[in-house]
Protein backbone atom coordinates (compact mmCIF):
# COMPACT_ATOMS: atom_id res chain seq x y z
CA MET A 1 -29.59 29.26 -25.95
CA LEU A 2 -31.75 30.84 -23.77
CA THR A 3 -31.27 32.02 -20.12
CA THR A 4 -34.21 32.92 -17.98
CA ALA A 5 -33.66 33.92 -14.16
CA PRO A 6 -36.02 35.32 -11.55
CA GLN A 7 -35.13 39.25 -10.00
CA HIS A 8 -33.18 37.99 -7.12
CA THR A 9 -30.86 35.66 -8.12
CA ILE A 10 -28.39 36.15 -4.96
CA GLN A 11 -26.82 33.25 -3.81
CA SER A 12 -29.08 31.30 -6.86
CA LEU A 13 -28.90 27.40 -7.56
CA ASN A 14 -27.51 27.79 -11.50
CA ILE A 15 -29.37 25.41 -13.78
CA LEU A 16 -28.68 23.80 -17.17
CA HIS A 17 -31.55 22.84 -18.68
CA LEU A 18 -31.37 20.67 -21.68
CA GLU A 19 -35.20 20.51 -23.32
CA ASP A 20 -36.17 21.33 -26.76
CA SER A 21 -39.82 22.42 -25.59
CA GLU A 22 -39.90 25.99 -24.55
CA LEU A 23 -43.44 25.04 -22.78
CA ASP A 24 -41.90 22.52 -20.96
CA HIS A 25 -38.94 24.89 -19.86
CA GLN A 26 -41.58 27.19 -18.91
CA LEU A 27 -43.58 24.48 -16.66
CA VAL A 28 -39.90 23.43 -15.26
CA CYS A 29 -39.42 27.31 -14.31
CA ARG A 30 -43.02 27.71 -12.79
CA ALA A 31 -42.73 24.64 -10.64
CA LEU A 32 -39.24 25.96 -9.14
CA ARG A 33 -40.65 29.23 -8.37
CA LYS A 34 -43.95 27.79 -6.68
CA ASP A 35 -41.51 25.89 -4.54
CA LYS A 36 -39.67 29.25 -3.92
CA LEU A 37 -36.21 28.04 -5.24
CA VAL A 38 -33.94 30.92 -6.20
CA PHE A 39 -32.11 29.52 -9.00
CA ALA A 40 -30.89 30.82 -12.35
CA ILE A 41 -31.75 28.64 -15.54
CA THR A 42 -30.02 27.87 -18.88
CA ARG A 43 -31.81 26.17 -21.77
CA VAL A 44 -29.88 24.05 -25.11
CA ASP A 45 -31.23 22.09 -27.38
CA SER A 46 -28.58 20.75 -29.24
CA LEU A 47 -25.40 18.66 -28.22
CA ALA A 48 -23.13 21.12 -29.26
CA ASP A 49 -24.77 23.96 -27.21
CA PHE A 50 -24.84 21.47 -24.15
CA GLY A 51 -21.05 20.71 -25.21
CA GLN A 52 -20.31 24.25 -25.01
CA ALA A 53 -22.44 24.95 -21.96
CA ILE A 54 -20.52 23.01 -19.63
CA THR A 55 -17.40 24.19 -20.26
CA ARG A 56 -17.92 27.81 -20.46
CA HIS A 57 -20.21 28.24 -17.51
CA ASN A 58 -20.60 27.14 -13.69
CA PHE A 59 -23.67 25.14 -13.13
CA ASP A 60 -24.99 23.57 -10.08
CA ILE A 61 -26.85 20.52 -11.61
CA ILE A 62 -28.50 19.62 -15.17
CA LEU A 63 -32.09 18.47 -16.08
CA ALA A 64 -32.44 16.82 -19.28
CA ASP A 65 -35.25 15.74 -21.52
CA TYR A 66 -34.78 11.68 -22.88
CA ARG A 67 -35.16 11.83 -26.01
CA LEU A 68 -34.30 15.29 -28.34
CA PRO A 69 -33.96 15.96 -31.85
CA GLY A 70 -31.33 13.67 -33.59
CA PHE A 71 -29.62 12.46 -29.59
CA THR A 72 -30.87 11.64 -26.67
CA ALA A 73 -29.99 12.68 -23.02
CA LEU A 74 -27.64 9.46 -22.82
CA ASP A 75 -25.60 11.18 -25.20
CA ALA A 76 -25.35 14.22 -23.38
CA TRP A 77 -24.44 12.35 -20.24
CA ALA A 78 -21.37 10.69 -22.33
CA LEU A 79 -20.07 14.26 -23.08
CA LEU A 80 -20.66 15.11 -19.54
CA LYS A 81 -18.59 12.35 -18.40
CA ALA A 82 -15.65 12.87 -21.25
CA SER A 83 -15.52 16.71 -19.88
CA VAL A 84 -13.78 17.87 -17.12
CA ALA A 85 -16.90 19.03 -15.67
CA LYS A 86 -18.48 16.70 -12.75
CA LEU A 87 -22.32 17.76 -12.28
CA PRO A 88 -25.21 15.61 -11.02
CA PHE A 89 -27.55 14.50 -14.05
CA VAL A 90 -31.25 14.36 -13.76
CA LEU A 91 -33.29 13.03 -16.19
CA LEU A 92 -36.57 15.03 -16.40
CA SER A 93 -38.80 13.46 -19.18
CA GLY A 94 -41.96 11.88 -20.31
CA ALA A 95 -42.58 8.26 -19.74
CA ILE A 96 -39.40 6.53 -20.99
CA GLY A 97 -40.38 3.04 -19.28
CA GLU A 98 -38.88 1.66 -16.11
CA PRO A 99 -36.03 -0.44 -17.87
CA ALA A 100 -34.77 2.92 -19.76
CA ALA A 101 -34.79 4.68 -16.49
CA VAL A 102 -33.02 1.73 -14.50
CA ALA A 103 -30.18 1.89 -17.06
CA ALA A 104 -30.09 5.51 -17.00
CA ILE A 105 -29.49 5.08 -13.18
CA GLN A 106 -26.95 2.34 -13.91
CA LEU A 107 -24.89 4.23 -15.79
CA GLY A 108 -24.44 6.71 -13.17
CA ILE A 109 -27.24 9.36 -13.84
CA SER A 110 -28.15 10.86 -10.49
CA ASP A 111 -32.05 10.34 -10.51
CA TYR A 112 -35.19 10.20 -12.85
CA LEU A 113 -38.59 12.17 -12.72
CA PRO A 114 -41.53 12.35 -15.24
CA LYS A 115 -42.98 15.53 -16.35
CA ASP A 116 -45.94 14.72 -14.80
CA ASP A 117 -44.54 15.02 -11.63
CA LEU A 118 -42.97 18.54 -11.76
CA HIS A 119 -44.26 19.07 -7.99
CA ASN A 120 -41.67 16.82 -6.49
CA LEU A 121 -39.08 18.42 -8.60
CA ALA A 122 -36.96 21.04 -6.04
CA ARG A 123 -37.31 17.46 -3.66
CA VAL A 124 -35.24 15.82 -6.34
CA ILE A 125 -32.67 18.33 -7.32
CA GLY A 126 -31.99 18.83 -3.38
CA SER A 127 -31.77 15.16 -2.89
CA ALA A 128 -29.53 14.96 -6.31
CA ILE A 129 -26.78 17.57 -5.06
CA GLU A 130 -26.68 16.51 -1.63
CA VAL A 131 -25.86 13.06 -2.84
CA PHE A 132 -23.52 14.45 -5.72
CA LYS A 133 -21.63 16.06 -2.70
CA ALA A 134 -21.47 13.46 -0.75
CA LYS A 135 -19.89 11.22 -3.30
CA ALA A 136 -17.48 13.51 -4.27
CA ALA A 137 -16.68 13.93 -0.76
CA GLU A 138 -16.26 10.48 -0.74
CA ALA A 139 -14.00 10.71 -3.37
CA ARG A 140 -12.12 13.45 -2.34
CA ALA A 141 -11.50 11.13 0.90
CA VAL A 142 -10.25 8.15 -1.10
CA SER A 143 -7.65 9.82 -3.18
CA GLU A 144 -6.69 11.72 -0.34
CA LEU A 145 -6.12 8.07 1.51
CA ALA A 146 -4.41 6.67 -1.34
CA ALA A 147 -1.86 9.49 -1.55
CA SER A 148 -1.24 9.15 1.91
CA GLU A 149 -0.93 5.62 1.21
CA ARG A 150 2.04 6.35 -1.09
CA ARG A 151 3.82 8.82 0.97
CA LEU A 152 3.90 6.42 3.54
CA ALA A 153 5.21 3.79 1.41
CA HIS A 154 7.98 5.96 0.23
CA PHE A 155 8.71 6.91 3.34
CA ALA A 156 8.77 3.56 4.60
CA GLN A 157 10.93 2.76 1.39
CA HIS A 158 13.16 5.73 2.63
CA LEU A 159 13.42 4.47 6.08
CA GLN A 160 14.38 0.92 5.39
CA SER A 161 17.12 2.33 2.89
CA ALA A 162 18.56 4.78 5.91
CA ILE A 163 18.77 1.71 8.61
CA GLU A 164 20.57 -0.53 5.97
CA ASN A 165 22.69 2.05 4.75
CA GLU A 166 23.35 2.83 8.53
CA ARG A 167 23.79 -0.83 9.30
CA ALA A 168 26.18 -1.19 6.34
CA SER A 169 28.37 1.91 7.45
CA ILE A 170 29.07 0.15 11.42
CA ALA A 171 29.62 -3.00 9.70
CA ARG A 172 32.68 -1.33 7.71
CA GLU A 173 33.91 0.39 11.03
CA ILE A 174 33.43 -2.70 12.83
CA HIS A 175 35.73 -4.22 9.99
CA ASP A 176 38.32 -1.48 9.66
CA ASP A 177 38.81 -0.04 12.81
CA ILE A 178 37.49 -2.94 15.28
CA GLY A 179 38.75 -5.74 13.21
CA GLY A 180 42.14 -4.35 12.31
CA SER A 181 42.83 -3.70 15.87
CA LEU A 182 41.88 -7.13 17.28
CA ALA A 183 44.32 -8.68 14.61
CA ALA A 184 46.79 -6.53 15.88
CA VAL A 185 46.15 -7.60 19.61
CA ARG A 186 46.06 -11.27 18.23
CA LEU A 187 49.89 -10.36 16.60
CA ASP A 188 51.19 -9.12 20.03
CA LEU A 189 49.62 -11.94 21.69
CA SER A 190 51.29 -14.22 19.89
CA TRP A 191 54.62 -12.31 20.17
CA ILE A 192 53.97 -12.35 23.98
CA ALA A 193 53.51 -16.17 23.68
CA ARG A 194 56.72 -16.79 21.94
CA HIS A 195 58.66 -14.64 24.33
CA ALA A 196 57.10 -15.39 27.55
CA GLU A 197 59.45 -17.65 30.02
CA SER A 198 56.84 -17.92 32.81
CA PRO A 199 53.83 -20.66 33.39
CA GLN A 200 51.65 -18.06 34.62
CA ALA A 201 52.48 -15.06 31.93
CA LEU A 202 51.94 -18.21 29.17
CA GLU A 203 48.54 -19.14 30.91
CA HIS A 204 47.29 -15.63 30.90
CA VAL A 205 48.58 -14.88 27.35
CA THR A 206 46.39 -18.62 26.71
CA THR A 207 43.24 -16.84 28.34
CA ALA A 208 43.71 -13.59 26.75
CA ASN A 209 43.68 -15.56 22.75
CA GLU A 210 40.30 -17.44 24.13
CA MET A 211 38.59 -13.97 24.71
CA LEU A 212 40.36 -12.71 21.55
CA GLN A 213 38.70 -15.20 19.74
CA HIS A 214 35.65 -14.82 21.31
CA ALA A 215 35.76 -11.06 20.33
CA ILE A 216 36.61 -11.80 16.98
CA GLY A 217 33.76 -14.15 16.11
CA ALA A 218 31.42 -11.85 18.30
CA SER A 219 32.38 -8.97 15.66
CA GLN A 220 32.04 -11.20 12.31
CA ARG A 221 28.58 -12.04 13.81
CA ILE A 222 27.71 -8.91 14.57
CA MET A 223 28.95 -7.54 10.82
CA MET A 224 27.10 -10.41 9.33
CA ASN A 225 23.97 -9.44 11.01
CA LEU A 226 24.49 -5.46 9.95
CA ARG A 227 25.31 -6.38 6.16
CA PRO A 228 24.46 -9.93 4.91
CA ALA A 229 27.48 -10.61 2.75
CA ILE A 230 26.57 -14.08 2.67
CA LEU A 231 23.86 -12.78 0.27
CA ASP A 232 26.67 -12.95 -2.51
CA GLN A 233 26.48 -16.81 -2.65
CA GLY A 234 22.63 -16.47 -2.99
CA LEU A 235 19.44 -16.62 -0.81
CA HIS A 236 19.11 -20.24 0.04
CA PRO A 237 22.83 -20.47 1.59
CA ALA A 238 22.08 -17.39 3.48
CA ILE A 239 18.51 -18.73 5.12
CA GLN A 240 20.53 -21.76 5.27
CA TRP A 241 23.25 -19.93 7.72
CA LEU A 242 20.41 -18.09 9.32
CA ALA A 243 18.94 -21.42 10.36
CA GLU A 244 22.27 -23.23 11.46
CA GLY A 245 23.22 -20.34 13.57
CA PHE A 246 19.55 -20.12 15.24
CA GLN A 247 19.63 -23.92 15.83
CA ARG A 248 23.27 -23.96 17.41
CA ARG A 249 22.61 -20.85 20.10
CA SER A 250 18.92 -21.96 20.88
CA GLY A 251 18.98 -25.47 20.20
CA VAL A 252 15.83 -25.50 18.96
CA LYS A 253 15.80 -27.66 15.98
CA THR A 254 15.61 -26.23 12.70
CA SER A 255 15.51 -27.16 9.61
CA LEU A 256 15.09 -25.80 5.89
CA LEU A 257 12.98 -27.46 3.16
CA GLY A 258 13.45 -27.11 -0.61
CA ASN A 259 17.14 -27.56 -2.33
CA GLN A 260 16.96 -24.41 -4.64
CA PRO A 261 20.42 -22.89 -3.90
CA GLY A 262 20.14 -21.55 -7.67
CA MET A 263 17.06 -19.80 -7.52
CA GLN A 264 17.48 -16.11 -9.20
CA SER A 265 15.45 -12.79 -7.64
CA SER A 266 16.94 -9.05 -7.20
CA LYS A 267 18.85 -8.08 -4.38
CA ALA A 268 16.43 -6.01 -3.33
CA ILE A 269 14.12 -9.00 -2.97
CA GLN A 270 16.87 -11.39 -1.28
CA LEU A 271 17.44 -8.95 1.37
CA THR A 272 13.87 -8.66 2.09
CA ALA A 273 13.75 -12.18 2.51
CA TYR A 274 16.78 -12.19 4.88
CA ARG A 275 15.30 -9.91 6.97
CA THR A 276 12.12 -11.38 7.19
CA ALA A 277 13.79 -14.79 8.31
CA GLN A 278 16.05 -12.70 10.75
CA GLU A 279 13.01 -11.02 12.30
CA ALA A 280 11.09 -14.17 12.46
CA PHE A 281 14.05 -15.98 14.29
CA THR A 282 14.48 -13.15 16.93
CA ASN A 283 10.74 -13.42 17.45
CA ILE A 284 10.95 -17.37 17.96
CA SER A 285 13.56 -16.73 20.06
CA LYS A 286 11.86 -14.45 22.10
CA TYR A 287 7.99 -15.68 22.42
CA ALA A 288 7.56 -18.70 21.09
CA GLN A 289 8.92 -21.48 23.62
CA CYS A 290 9.02 -23.97 20.68
CA SER A 291 10.82 -27.18 20.09
CA GLU A 292 10.87 -26.89 16.38
CA VAL A 293 11.02 -25.00 13.43
CA LYS A 294 10.42 -25.46 9.91
CA ILE A 295 11.48 -23.22 6.82
CA ASP A 296 9.86 -23.51 3.32
CA LEU A 297 12.04 -21.32 0.37
CA SER A 298 10.62 -21.60 -3.01
CA ASP A 299 10.21 -19.25 -6.05
CA ALA A 300 8.17 -21.84 -8.01
CA GLU A 301 5.95 -20.52 -10.81
CA GLY A 302 7.25 -17.38 -10.68
CA VAL A 303 6.75 -16.22 -6.95
CA LEU A 304 9.04 -16.35 -4.01
CA THR A 305 7.82 -17.70 -1.09
CA LEU A 306 9.46 -17.89 2.41
CA GLU A 307 7.50 -19.91 4.78
CA ILE A 308 8.79 -19.75 8.51
CA SER A 309 6.64 -21.91 10.96
CA ASP A 310 7.18 -22.99 14.78
CA ASN A 311 5.01 -25.29 17.25
CA GLY A 312 5.39 -22.61 19.95
CA ILE A 313 2.41 -20.79 21.99
CA GLY A 314 1.47 -18.39 19.30
CA ILE A 315 0.42 -15.18 19.60
CA SER A 316 -2.44 -13.46 20.67
CA ASP A 317 -4.88 -10.98 18.75
CA GLU A 318 -4.01 -8.61 21.32
CA ALA A 319 0.36 -9.15 20.74
CA LEU A 320 -0.32 -9.23 16.93
CA ASN A 321 -2.36 -6.10 16.73
CA ASN A 322 -0.34 -3.72 19.11
CA PRO A 323 0.43 -0.55 18.10
CA SER A 324 4.02 -1.25 19.44
CA ALA A 325 4.77 -4.02 16.85
CA PHE A 326 7.17 -2.45 14.73
CA GLY A 327 9.14 -5.11 14.16
CA ILE A 328 6.26 -7.05 12.21
CA ARG A 329 4.93 -3.58 10.45
CA GLY A 330 7.97 -2.94 9.54
CA LEU A 331 8.42 -6.40 7.61
CA LYS A 332 4.99 -5.58 5.76
CA GLU A 333 6.33 -2.50 4.84
CA ARG A 334 9.22 -3.99 3.41
CA ALA A 335 7.60 -6.66 1.85
CA LYS A 336 5.24 -3.98 0.11
CA VAL A 337 8.35 -1.88 -1.24
CA VAL A 338 9.64 -5.03 -3.79
CA GLY A 339 5.67 -5.82 -4.97
CA GLY A 340 5.06 -8.22 -1.96
CA TRP A 341 3.22 -8.88 0.76
CA LEU A 342 3.23 -10.55 3.97
CA ASP A 343 0.73 -13.14 6.17
CA ILE A 344 1.09 -13.81 9.62
CA SER A 345 -1.24 -17.15 11.00
CA THR A 346 -1.47 -17.96 14.41
CA ARG A 347 -3.75 -19.63 17.01
CA PRO A 348 -2.52 -19.47 20.94
CA GLY A 349 -0.94 -22.64 21.20
CA HIS A 350 -0.71 -23.89 18.17
CA GLY A 351 2.37 -22.02 16.84
CA THR A 352 2.91 -19.30 14.23
CA THR A 353 3.87 -19.23 10.52
CA VAL A 354 4.80 -15.93 8.95
CA ILE A 355 4.99 -16.40 5.07
CA LEU A 356 6.78 -13.51 2.50
CA THR A 357 5.27 -14.14 -0.88
CA VAL A 358 6.86 -11.45 -3.56
CA PRO A 359 6.27 -11.99 -7.44
CA LEU A 360 9.22 -12.30 -9.33
CA ASP A 361 8.32 -10.96 -12.78
CA GLY A 362 7.07 -7.67 -13.57
CA ASP A 363 8.12 -4.53 -11.28
CA ALA A 364 8.59 -6.85 -8.05
CA GLY A 365 12.15 -7.84 -10.33
CA THR A 366 13.14 -4.49 -11.00
CA HIS A 367 14.24 -3.22 -7.42
CA ASN A 368 17.76 -3.38 -6.91
CA GLU A 369 19.97 -3.40 -4.04
CA ALA A 370 20.33 0.08 -4.01
CA ASP A 371 16.36 0.42 -2.76
CA PHE A 372 17.83 -0.53 0.74
CA LEU A 373 21.85 -0.07 0.64
């Protein structure tokens, strides 16, 4: 291993030269000096020395002859790829033929320069380093973006879990406190009705009972929306219950296609499908102006599919891409948590279709209700 350096190497370029010819090495040094490049250069001529050099020293670039005794530059490139060192790698060789040079570039080698073209060496080195830095920056950006997306997904999962926990807590309070109080009021009204003699008093008791029944029904509906206990009966009955309730309140004809009450999926996936249908019905009632809604629920071929279509006015691109459309964004994030995805197909004047797709095998089926509750 031989190191050659000019006297002034402050802020110099550190080069590793894989070359078995001392004469060719000196020609490279002369070409670099001619271009007034400040550098330090280390020559190695064996694969073992090359491996030691890339692990022990910090180089800025590698220049490599193609054919050396017992190995080629491609062997050195493979050794570099297997190491922790990441460096631009330039082939500096005699005529190796265009196919070999192209194949080397396709493997990821930075560039190729014939030895009879050394007057362009400084330019090739500068270009290789700049391209390498740009690719490294791009790789870091992609990695950081992926990490950011993972953090966002974890935060979305945590947020959904917190929301569902809060919903469950409120539902329990309604059941225990408000439900108990309403039941006590009903008992008192029954006592008053049995002992009241005035027709006017009985009329007021009857009116109060009607209002009480309405309050009890409202509290039960609110509890069901907050924590859908009907999911204990299965996803199909739960979606059917939602559809019937929507049709009753809105007057919009609503039909559930597919008769699969026994479909199997985790509680987390069922809750995701239920909340998707719930949000879809809410949006339809507010914006769709439709006369018919069709729901298709299936678990064919190990994939849960929930498709909800209306024949309403559709959604404009502006509304669909509105940054404030947190309901749709929340559903998409919820779908991701269980390994699925949400698609929305719409055309102004031709209705909207919301499709939830979740694979039921592999990791998608490993989520449990604790992910959300």
